[in-house]
Amino acid sequence: MTTCAEIYVSGYVQGVGYRMFAKRNADILGLKGYAANLQDGRVKILAMGQYEDIERYLKKLREGPRLSIVRDLSIKWIEQGADCNQFIIR
């Protein structure tokens, strides 16, 4: 079943390649959506795909790239996100 998750990642996640890490892992799992830096230092991710794939993705996001420090993931399951045909970095 296709679903959508709005994810906010906090910690040391800007300037360390986190958005590229998020895109690379989304592409591997066939997810659509985007990753964007927020002014408050968090990264916002919208991930659309199969529920099981998003669950796998969340595990990777908790790890993050080598230089990051992920303190928290806030996840909100939503009906439908933006209409995306790929995963992009904003």
Protein backbone atom coordinates (compact mmCIF):
# COMPACT_ATOMS: atom_id res chain seq x y z
CA MET A 1 0.00 0.00 0.00
CA THR A 2 1.34 3.41 -0.98
CA THR A 3 1.56 5.94 1.83
CA CYS A 4 3.32 9.17 2.71
CA ALA A 5 5.42 10.26 5.69
CA GLU A 6 6.36 13.80 6.65
CA ILE A 7 9.62 13.53 8.58
CA TYR A 8 11.51 16.17 10.55
CA VAL A 9 15.10 15.28 11.44
CA SER A 10 16.82 17.21 14.21
CA GLY A 11 20.38 17.23 15.47
CA TYR A 12 23.56 18.02 13.59
CA VAL A 13 22.06 17.40 10.14
CA GLN A 14 22.90 20.44 8.01
CA GLY A 15 26.23 20.88 6.27
CA VAL A 16 27.09 17.17 6.61
CA GLY A 17 25.54 15.72 3.43
CA TYR A 18 22.33 14.62 5.11
CA ARG A 19 20.02 15.60 2.24
CA MET A 20 22.19 13.72 -0.28
CA PHE A 21 22.23 10.73 2.08
CA ALA A 22 18.42 10.92 2.27
CA LYS A 23 18.12 11.07 -1.53
CA ARG A 24 20.54 8.19 -2.12
CA ASN A 25 18.65 5.93 0.29
CA ALA A 26 15.25 7.01 -1.07
CA ASP A 27 16.41 6.17 -4.60
CA ILE A 28 17.60 2.72 -3.46
CA LEU A 29 14.16 2.01 -1.96
CA GLY A 30 12.21 3.54 -4.85
CA LEU A 31 10.69 6.32 -2.75
CA LYS A 32 9.50 9.65 -4.13
CA GLY A 33 9.48 13.04 -2.42
CA TYR A 34 12.06 15.54 -1.26
CA ALA A 35 14.54 16.61 1.42
CA ALA A 36 14.95 20.26 2.40
CA ASN A 37 16.90 22.22 4.99
CA LEU A 38 14.80 24.30 7.36
CA GLN A 39 15.86 27.61 8.87
CA ASP A 40 15.70 26.15 12.39
CA GLY A 41 18.49 23.64 11.61
CA ARG A 42 16.28 20.61 10.95
CA VAL A 43 15.83 18.71 7.70
CA LYS A 44 12.31 18.10 6.41
CA ILE A 45 11.72 14.98 4.34
CA LEU A 46 8.58 13.97 2.51
CA ALA A 47 8.72 10.29 1.56
CA MET A 48 6.10 8.52 -0.55
CA GLY A 49 6.07 4.81 -1.30
CA GLN A 50 5.24 1.43 0.14
CA TYR A 51 4.80 1.44 3.93
CA GLU A 52 7.45 -1.27 4.42
CA ASP A 53 9.98 0.68 2.33
CA ILE A 54 9.36 3.86 4.33
CA GLU A 55 9.91 1.89 7.55
CA ARG A 56 13.27 0.69 6.18
CA TYR A 57 14.04 4.27 5.15
CA LEU A 58 13.35 5.57 8.66
CA LYS A 59 15.96 3.17 10.06
CA LYS A 60 18.55 4.57 7.63
CA LEU A 61 17.57 8.16 8.45
CA ARG A 62 18.14 7.48 12.16
CA GLU A 63 21.71 6.40 11.33
CA GLY A 64 22.44 9.33 9.01
CA PRO A 65 25.70 9.93 7.17
CA ARG A 66 29.00 9.56 8.98
CA LEU A 67 29.40 13.21 10.05
CA SER A 68 25.82 13.72 11.23
CA ILE A 69 24.35 13.39 14.70
CA VAL A 70 20.66 12.53 14.54
CA ARG A 71 18.94 13.45 17.79
CA ASP A 72 15.31 12.91 16.85
CA LEU A 73 12.95 11.94 14.04
CA SER A 74 9.44 13.32 14.14
CA ILE A 75 7.18 11.31 11.83
CA LYS A 76 3.67 12.17 10.73
CA TRP A 77 1.82 9.76 8.45
CA ILE A 78 -0.28 11.75 6.00
CA GLU A 79 -2.83 10.96 3.31
CA GLN A 80 -0.99 12.40 0.34
CA GLY A 81 2.02 14.59 -0.15
CA ALA A 82 3.22 16.65 -3.07
CA ASP A 83 2.87 15.11 -6.50
CA CYS A 84 6.43 13.93 -7.16
CA ASN A 85 7.74 11.49 -9.73
CA GLN A 86 11.21 11.26 -8.18
CA PHE A 87 13.09 12.16 -5.00
CA ILE A 88 14.69 15.62 -5.11
CA ILE A 89 16.82 17.83 -2.90
CA ARG A 90 15.34 21.25 -2.27
